[in-house]
Amino acid sequence: MPKTSNIVRPEECQPARTIWFDRKKYVTLNFLIQKPKDVKVDILSDKLILAAKNDTDDVFYNELYFYDKVDFNDSRERVYDRTINVLLRKVKPDFAWPRLQKDEARPSWISVDFDNWRDWEHEEDEGKEEFDRYADMILEMSSGNKGRAPDMGDLSDSD
């Protein structure tokens, strides 16, 4: 039987500003709430529901349907002084999420955490690309149009 949430949307509430970033195995969310209290988080396979208050008793409620499935048994949340951090384990690792939510329309309260964002999809390719450029440069140098390739035999660690 699928897991369901028992968090009820409060009558008067607002969404918490949320920043997120994608990694190979996880998606990380940070709900920006000052001194969060009465925090309730339900992580389901296809969505997350959060309810909390801040230090001035403003009520926050976020409900978002994920771009792809997550393993709710291996996903966690932690409450800090200025944020509620949620780590979602992807069901399909090594699959990049182009957006956080299933719906293509992005609400104004969600934004990408560019400080932590990495384009991990092409990390190995970039390394190979850099190596190929280096190899091409060495070949070009040895082909005569820029002189001989340097002799690097004297650079050994044995000296």
C-alpha atoms as a PDB file:
ATOM      1  CA  MET A   1       0.000   0.000   0.000  1.00  0.00           C
ATOM      2  CA  PRO A   2       1.447   3.434  -0.946  1.00  0.00           C
ATOM      3  CA  LYS A   3       2.445   5.774   1.842  1.00  0.00           C
ATOM      4  CA  THR A   4       0.104   8.770   2.303  1.00  0.00           C
ATOM      5  CA  SER A   5       0.495  12.063   4.128  1.00  0.00           C
ATOM      6  CA  ASN A   6      -1.360  13.128   7.245  1.00  0.00           C
ATOM      7  CA  ILE A   7      -0.359  16.801   6.971  1.00  0.00           C
ATOM      8  CA  VAL A   8      -3.372  19.031   6.357  1.00  0.00           C
ATOM      9  CA  ARG A   9      -2.944  22.357   4.572  1.00  0.00           C
ATOM     10  CA  PRO A  10      -3.488  25.219   7.089  1.00  0.00           C
ATOM     11  CA  GLU A  11      -6.137  27.765   6.130  1.00  0.00           C
ATOM     12  CA  GLU A  12      -3.798  30.753   6.201  1.00  0.00           C
ATOM     13  CA  CYS A  13      -0.325  29.904   4.990  1.00  0.00           C
ATOM     14  CA  GLN A  14       2.349  30.808   2.495  1.00  0.00           C
ATOM     15  CA  PRO A  15       4.967  28.710   0.704  1.00  0.00           C
ATOM     16  CA  ALA A  16       8.503  28.794   2.097  1.00  0.00           C
ATOM     17  CA  ARG A  17      11.137  29.990  -0.346  1.00  0.00           C
ATOM     18  CA  THR A  18      12.917  26.861  -1.593  1.00  0.00           C
ATOM     19  CA  ILE A  19      16.279  26.355  -3.257  1.00  0.00           C
ATOM     20  CA  TRP A  20      17.354  23.020  -4.724  1.00  0.00           C
ATOM     21  CA  PHE A  21      20.177  21.276  -6.541  1.00  0.00           C
ATOM     22  CA  ASP A  22      20.678  17.949  -8.300  1.00  0.00           C
ATOM     23  CA  ARG A  23      23.360  15.307  -7.755  1.00  0.00           C
ATOM     24  CA  LYS A  24      23.891  11.812  -9.204  1.00  0.00           C
ATOM     25  CA  LYS A  25      22.060   9.973  -6.414  1.00  0.00           C
ATOM     26  CA  TYR A  26      20.254  12.740  -4.516  1.00  0.00           C
ATOM     27  CA  VAL A  27      18.253  15.907  -4.906  1.00  0.00           C
ATOM     28  CA  THR A  28      18.724  18.436  -2.119  1.00  0.00           C
ATOM     29  CA  LEU A  29      16.092  20.966  -1.062  1.00  0.00           C
ATOM     30  CA  ASN A  30      16.466  23.815   1.408  1.00  0.00           C
ATOM     31  CA  PHE A  31      13.321  25.478   2.701  1.00  0.00           C
ATOM     32  CA  LEU A  32      14.388  28.914   3.910  1.00  0.00           C
ATOM     33  CA  ILE A  33      12.549  29.533   7.194  1.00  0.00           C
ATOM     34  CA  GLN A  34      13.984  31.569  10.083  1.00  0.00           C
ATOM     35  CA  LYS A  35      14.086  29.551  13.313  1.00  0.00           C
ATOM     36  CA  PRO A  36      11.629  26.892  12.112  1.00  0.00           C
ATOM     37  CA  LYS A  37       9.327  25.258  14.659  1.00  0.00           C
ATOM     38  CA  ASP A  38       6.373  22.838  14.622  1.00  0.00           C
ATOM     39  CA  VAL A  39       8.036  21.276  11.583  1.00  0.00           C
ATOM     40  CA  LYS A  40       6.231  18.435   9.820  1.00  0.00           C
ATOM     41  CA  VAL A  41       7.662  16.853   6.696  1.00  0.00           C
ATOM     42  CA  ASP A  42       6.154  13.979   4.733  1.00  0.00           C
ATOM     43  CA  ILE A  43       8.290  12.548   1.951  1.00  0.00           C
ATOM     44  CA  LEU A  44       6.352  10.286  -0.403  1.00  0.00           C
ATOM     45  CA  SER A  45       7.619   8.573  -3.557  1.00  0.00           C
ATOM     46  CA  ASP A  46       6.164  11.259  -5.837  1.00  0.00           C
ATOM     47  CA  LYS A  47       5.811  14.354  -3.629  1.00  0.00           C
ATOM     48  CA  LEU A  48       6.822  16.208  -0.498  1.00  0.00           C
ATOM     49  CA  ILE A  49       4.617  18.091   1.951  1.00  0.00           C
ATOM     50  CA  LEU A  50       6.076  20.490   4.488  1.00  0.00           C
ATOM     51  CA  ALA A  51       4.330  22.492   7.208  1.00  0.00           C
ATOM     52  CA  ALA A  52       6.160  24.746   9.667  1.00  0.00           C
ATOM     53  CA  LYS A  53       6.159  28.065  11.487  1.00  0.00           C
ATOM     54  CA  ASN A  54       8.931  30.604  11.823  1.00  0.00           C
ATOM     55  CA  ASP A  55      10.046  32.667  14.822  1.00  0.00           C
ATOM     56  CA  THR A  56       7.194  35.169  14.290  1.00  0.00           C
ATOM     57  CA  ASP A  57       4.564  32.413  13.909  1.00  0.00           C
ATOM     58  CA  ASP A  58       4.091  32.851  10.164  1.00  0.00           C
ATOM     59  CA  VAL A  59       2.684  29.579   8.815  1.00  0.00           C
ATOM     60  CA  PHE A  60       4.404  27.898   5.874  1.00  0.00           C
ATOM     61  CA  TYR A  61       3.092  25.077   3.725  1.00  0.00           C
ATOM     62  CA  ASN A  62       4.764  23.583   0.662  1.00  0.00           C
ATOM     63  CA  GLU A  63       3.482  20.743  -1.465  1.00  0.00           C
ATOM     64  CA  LEU A  64       5.458  19.721  -4.497  1.00  0.00           C
ATOM     65  CA  TYR A  65       5.205  16.844  -6.926  1.00  0.00           C
ATOM     66  CA  PHE A  66       8.669  15.602  -7.883  1.00  0.00           C
ATOM     67  CA  TYR A  67      10.014  15.457 -11.421  1.00  0.00           C
ATOM     68  CA  ASP A  68      10.744  11.750 -10.864  1.00  0.00           C
ATOM     69  CA  LYS A  69      10.299   9.153  -8.117  1.00  0.00           C
ATOM     70  CA  VAL A  70      12.315   9.185  -4.898  1.00  0.00           C
ATOM     71  CA  ASP A  71      13.004   6.479  -2.336  1.00  0.00           C
ATOM     72  CA  PHE A  72      11.149   7.874   0.671  1.00  0.00           C
ATOM     73  CA  ASN A  73      12.680   5.215   2.961  1.00  0.00           C
ATOM     74  CA  ASP A  74      16.167   6.557   2.218  1.00  0.00           C
ATOM     75  CA  SER A  75      15.313  10.276   2.190  1.00  0.00           C
ATOM     76  CA  ARG A  76      15.849  12.529   5.203  1.00  0.00           C
ATOM     77  CA  GLU A  77      15.118  15.989   6.543  1.00  0.00           C
ATOM     78  CA  ARG A  78      17.027  18.039   9.094  1.00  0.00           C
ATOM     79  CA  VAL A  79      15.993  21.232  10.812  1.00  0.00           C
ATOM     80  CA  TYR A  80      18.592  23.977  11.170  1.00  0.00           C
ATOM     81  CA  ASP A  81      18.432  27.532  12.514  1.00  0.00           C
ATOM     82  CA  ARG A  82      17.526  29.153   9.172  1.00  0.00           C
ATOM     83  CA  THR A  83      16.541  26.267   6.970  1.00  0.00           C
ATOM     84  CA  ILE A  84      14.930  22.863   6.720  1.00  0.00           C
ATOM     85  CA  ASN A  85      17.216  20.669   4.637  1.00  0.00           C
ATOM     86  CA  VAL A  86      15.739  17.698   2.754  1.00  0.00           C
ATOM     87  CA  LEU A  87      17.837  15.045   1.045  1.00  0.00           C
ATOM     88  CA  LEU A  88      15.857  12.954  -1.456  1.00  0.00           C
ATOM     89  CA  ARG A  89      17.314   9.660  -2.696  1.00  0.00           C
ATOM     90  CA  LYS A  90      16.569   9.241  -6.407  1.00  0.00           C
ATOM     91  CA  VAL A  91      15.000   5.956  -7.513  1.00  0.00           C
ATOM     92  CA  LYS A  92      16.945   6.348 -10.788  1.00  0.00           C
ATOM     93  CA  PRO A  93      20.508   7.417  -9.919  1.00  0.00           C
ATOM     94  CA  ASP A  94      22.674   8.980 -12.644  1.00  0.00           C
ATOM     95  CA  PHE A  95      19.567  10.545 -14.183  1.00  0.00           C
ATOM     96  CA  ALA A  96      19.623  14.354 -14.146  1.00  0.00           C
ATOM     97  CA  TRP A  97      16.503  16.240 -13.121  1.00  0.00           C
ATOM     98  CA  PRO A  98      16.050  19.240 -15.435  1.00  0.00           C
ATOM     99  CA  ARG A  99      13.622  20.710 -12.894  1.00  0.00           C
ATOM    100  CA  LEU A 100      12.407  19.909  -9.398  1.00  0.00           C
ATOM    101  CA  GLN A 101       8.721  19.492 -10.083  1.00  0.00           C
ATOM    102  CA  LYS A 102       6.725  17.328 -12.444  1.00  0.00           C
ATOM    103  CA  ASP A 103       4.882  20.423 -13.731  1.00  0.00           C
ATOM    104  CA  GLU A 104       6.925  22.510 -16.190  1.00  0.00           C
ATOM    105  CA  ALA A 105       5.570  25.774 -14.763  1.00  0.00           C
ATOM    106  CA  ARG A 106       7.944  26.811 -11.986  1.00  0.00           C
ATOM    107  CA  PRO A 107       6.378  28.538  -8.987  1.00  0.00           C
ATOM    108  CA  SER A 108       8.090  31.776  -7.893  1.00  0.00           C
ATOM    109  CA  TRP A 109       9.046  30.251  -4.524  1.00  0.00           C
ATOM    110  CA  ILE A 110      11.341  27.617  -6.091  1.00  0.00           C
ATOM    111  CA  SER A 111      14.792  28.470  -7.402  1.00  0.00           C
ATOM    112  CA  VAL A 112      18.009  26.648  -8.246  1.00  0.00           C
ATOM    113  CA  ASP A 113      20.784  26.736  -5.641  1.00  0.00           C
ATOM    114  CA  PHE A 114      23.514  27.891  -8.038  1.00  0.00           C
ATOM    115  CA  ASP A 115      26.127  27.901  -5.248  1.00  0.00           C
ATOM    116  CA  ASN A 116      25.800  24.105  -5.059  1.00  0.00           C
ATOM    117  CA  TRP A 117      24.758  23.271  -8.615  1.00  0.00           C
ATOM    118  CA  ARG A 118      27.120  21.166 -10.746  1.00  0.00           C
ATOM    119  CA  ASP A 119      26.587  19.869 -14.238  1.00  0.00           C
ATOM    120  CA  TRP A 120      27.568  16.362 -13.130  1.00  0.00           C
ATOM    121  CA  GLU A 121      26.101  14.710 -16.246  1.00  0.00           C
ATOM    122  CA  HIS A 122      29.114  15.701 -18.352  1.00  0.00           C
ATOM    123  CA  GLU A 123      31.854  15.530 -15.714  1.00  0.00           C
ATOM    124  CA  GLU A 124      33.561  12.470 -17.213  1.00  0.00           C
ATOM    125  CA  ASP A 125      33.096  13.802 -20.744  1.00  0.00           C
ATOM    126  CA  GLU A 126      34.725  17.117 -19.813  1.00  0.00           C
ATOM    127  CA  GLY A 127      37.773  15.302 -18.457  1.00  0.00           C
ATOM    128  CA  LYS A 128      38.025  13.296 -21.672  1.00  0.00           C
ATOM    129  CA  GLU A 129      37.574  16.459 -23.727  1.00  0.00           C
ATOM    130  CA  GLU A 130      40.410  18.152 -21.845  1.00  0.00           C
ATOM    131  CA  PHE A 131      42.659  15.105 -22.377  1.00  0.00           C
ATOM    132  CA  ASP A 132      41.806  15.032 -26.096  1.00  0.00           C
ATOM    133  CA  ARG A 133      42.677  18.741 -26.432  1.00  0.00           C
ATOM    134  CA  TYR A 134      45.999  18.119 -24.679  1.00  0.00           C
ATOM    135  CA  ALA A 135      46.751  15.104 -26.916  1.00  0.00           C
ATOM    136  CA  ASP A 136      45.900  17.174 -30.016  1.00  0.00           C
ATOM    137  CA  MET A 137      48.222  19.947 -28.845  1.00  0.00           C
ATOM    138  CA  ILE A 138      51.116  17.470 -28.351  1.00  0.00           C
ATOM    139  CA  LEU A 139      50.442  15.935 -31.797  1.00  0.00           C
ATOM    140  CA  GLU A 140      50.344  19.371 -33.399  1.00  0.00           C
ATOM    141  CA  MET A 141      53.647  20.287 -31.748  1.00  0.00           C
ATOM    142  CA  SER A 142      55.314  17.108 -32.989  1.00  0.00           C
ATOM    143  CA  SER A 143      53.951  17.395 -36.548  1.00  0.00           C
ATOM    144  CA  GLY A 144      56.540  20.015 -37.386  1.00  0.00           C
ATOM    145  CA  ASN A 145      54.477  23.160 -37.632  1.00  0.00           C
ATOM    146  CA  LYS A 146      55.437  24.265 -34.125  1.00  0.00           C
ATOM    147  CA  GLY A 147      58.687  22.421 -33.596  1.00  0.00           C
ATOM    148  CA  ARG A 148      59.415  19.159 -31.842  1.00  0.00           C
ATOM    149  CA  ALA A 149      57.439  17.993 -28.842  1.00  0.00           C
ATOM    150  CA  PRO A 150      59.417  18.739 -25.691  1.00  0.00           C
ATOM    151  CA  ASP A 151      61.471  15.906 -24.187  1.00  0.00           C
ATOM    152  CA  MET A 152      60.050  15.466 -20.714  1.00  0.00           C
ATOM    153  CA  GLY A 153      62.310  12.583 -19.694  1.00  0.00           C
ATOM    154  CA  ASP A 154      64.286  14.814 -17.330  1.00  0.00           C
ATOM    155  CA  LEU A 155      61.179  15.459 -15.210  1.00  0.00           C
ATOM    156  CA  SER A 156      61.308  12.162 -13.339  1.00  0.00           C
ATOM    157  CA  ASP A 157      60.977  12.103  -9.546  1.00  0.00           C
ATOM    158  CA  SER A 158      64.230  10.167  -9.080  1.00  0.00           C
ATOM    159  CA  ASP A 159      66.452  13.297  -9.005  1.00  0.00           C
END
